[in-house]
Protein backbone atom coordinates (compact mmCIF):
# COMPACT_ATOMS: atom_id res chain seq x y z
CA MET A 1 -169.49 -22.90 -43.53
CA LYS A 2 -169.53 -20.51 -46.48
CA LYS A 3 -173.27 -21.03 -47.04
CA SER A 4 -173.87 -20.51 -43.31
CA SER A 5 -172.51 -16.97 -43.50
CA GLU A 6 -175.12 -16.01 -46.10
CA GLY A 7 -178.11 -16.38 -43.75
CA ASN A 8 -179.64 -14.23 -41.01
CA ALA A 9 -178.76 -16.55 -38.14
CA LEU A 10 -177.12 -19.86 -37.38
CA LEU A 11 -179.12 -22.73 -35.89
CA LEU A 12 -177.84 -24.91 -33.07
CA ILE A 13 -180.20 -27.63 -31.82
CA GLU A 14 -179.25 -29.74 -28.84
CA ALA A 15 -181.07 -32.72 -27.37
CA GLU A 16 -183.87 -31.95 -24.96
CA MET A 17 -182.27 -33.13 -21.74
CA GLU A 18 -182.52 -32.01 -18.12
CA GLU A 19 -178.73 -31.76 -17.94
CA TYR A 20 -176.85 -31.42 -21.22
CA PRO A 21 -173.12 -31.76 -20.43
CA PHE A 22 -171.84 -31.49 -24.00
CA LEU A 23 -170.37 -28.57 -25.93
CA PRO A 24 -170.88 -29.24 -29.65
CA SER A 25 -167.98 -28.49 -31.99
CA LYS A 26 -170.50 -26.71 -34.22
CA LEU A 27 -170.54 -23.88 -31.65
CA ALA A 28 -166.82 -23.33 -32.16
CA ASP A 29 -167.35 -23.27 -35.93
CA TYR A 30 -170.27 -20.85 -35.62
CA SER A 31 -168.34 -18.53 -33.31
CA SER A 32 -166.12 -17.45 -36.20
CA ILE A 33 -169.12 -16.29 -38.26
CA THR A 34 -170.53 -12.90 -37.33
CA LEU A 35 -174.17 -13.97 -37.31
CA PRO A 36 -176.36 -14.50 -34.26
CA ILE A 37 -176.81 -18.08 -33.12
CA LEU A 38 -180.29 -19.39 -32.41
CA ALA A 39 -179.64 -22.12 -29.84
CA ILE A 40 -182.51 -24.46 -29.07
CA THR A 41 -181.27 -26.03 -25.87
CA GLY A 42 -181.67 -26.13 -22.13
CA LYS A 43 -180.99 -22.86 -20.33
CA GLN A 44 -178.30 -24.52 -18.19
CA SER A 45 -176.37 -26.15 -21.03
CA PRO A 46 -172.76 -25.09 -21.64
CA SER A 47 -173.79 -23.75 -25.07
CA ALA A 48 -176.57 -21.62 -23.57
CA LYS A 49 -174.23 -20.17 -20.97
CA LEU A 50 -171.52 -19.29 -23.51
CA ILE A 51 -173.95 -17.78 -26.01
CA SER A 52 -175.78 -15.75 -23.36
CA GLU A 53 -172.68 -14.53 -21.52
CA SER A 54 -170.89 -13.66 -24.77
CA ASN A 55 -173.84 -11.96 -26.48
CA GLY A 56 -173.61 -14.50 -29.28
CA GLY A 57 -177.29 -14.84 -30.09
CA ILE A 58 -180.56 -16.08 -28.62
CA VAL A 59 -181.15 -19.13 -26.46
CA CYS A 60 -184.59 -20.72 -26.30
CA GLY A 61 -186.22 -23.90 -25.08
CA HIS A 62 -187.56 -26.72 -27.22
CA ASP A 63 -191.21 -25.65 -27.04
CA SER A 64 -192.80 -24.10 -30.11
CA ASP A 65 -193.66 -20.80 -28.38
CA SER A 66 -190.04 -20.22 -27.35
CA ILE A 67 -188.78 -21.05 -30.82
CA LEU A 68 -191.35 -18.75 -32.47
CA ASN A 69 -190.44 -15.89 -30.12
CA ALA A 70 -186.74 -16.37 -30.82
CA LEU A 71 -187.27 -16.44 -34.59
CA THR A 72 -189.44 -13.32 -34.38
CA SER A 73 -186.75 -11.54 -32.36
CA ILE A 74 -184.11 -12.40 -34.93
CA GLU A 75 -186.34 -11.32 -37.81
CA LYS A 76 -187.34 -7.98 -36.24
CA SER A 77 -183.98 -6.90 -34.91
CA SER A 78 -180.47 -6.61 -36.17
CA LEU A 79 -178.62 -8.39 -33.40
CA GLN A 80 -175.05 -7.28 -33.02
CA VAL A 81 -172.91 -10.29 -32.24
CA SER A 82 -169.99 -9.76 -29.92
CA PRO A 83 -166.59 -11.19 -30.94
CA GLN A 84 -166.30 -12.37 -27.33
CA LEU A 85 -167.81 -15.77 -28.19
CA ASN A 86 -165.09 -16.46 -30.75
CA SER A 87 -162.41 -15.57 -28.21
CA HIS A 88 -163.32 -18.71 -26.23
CA PHE A 89 -162.30 -20.88 -29.20
CA SER A 90 -159.30 -18.96 -30.56
CA PRO A 91 -155.87 -20.49 -29.88
CA ASP A 92 -155.10 -17.78 -27.30
CA GLY A 93 -158.49 -18.28 -25.66
CA VAL A 94 -158.02 -22.04 -25.41
CA VAL A 95 -154.55 -21.62 -23.87
CA LYS A 96 -155.96 -19.10 -21.39
CA ASN A 97 -158.76 -21.48 -20.39
CA TYR A 98 -156.34 -24.38 -19.91
CA ASN A 99 -154.02 -22.19 -17.83
CA GLU A 100 -156.93 -21.19 -15.59
CA ILE A 101 -157.95 -24.82 -15.15
CA ILE A 102 -154.40 -25.86 -14.29
CA LEU A 103 -153.86 -22.97 -11.88
CA ASN A 104 -157.20 -23.55 -10.17
CA SER A 105 -156.52 -27.27 -9.76
CA HIS A 106 -153.47 -26.48 -7.61
CA THR A 107 -155.26 -24.18 -5.17
């Protein structure tokens, strides 16, 4: 991960699927590095939702135009990454999420 922190952005590529139900562990690793994440994935994937809602980077589709636009955006701007993404994977954040799941399952 040390080499990852020396770049301009972090790359996350997920399979091109209609519904992508997985959350890659790489996203948790990347969340601790203060660089924007370029996620090439479906807009409805869990990764896309977390990155977008947490201001953790740029989400784009698998087509070349989307990827080029995302790379251009990263190159031309200095994206400020919110620490909010990392809070989802911190020990306190994980406990909070589990508590919400448990509480909501009893209502």
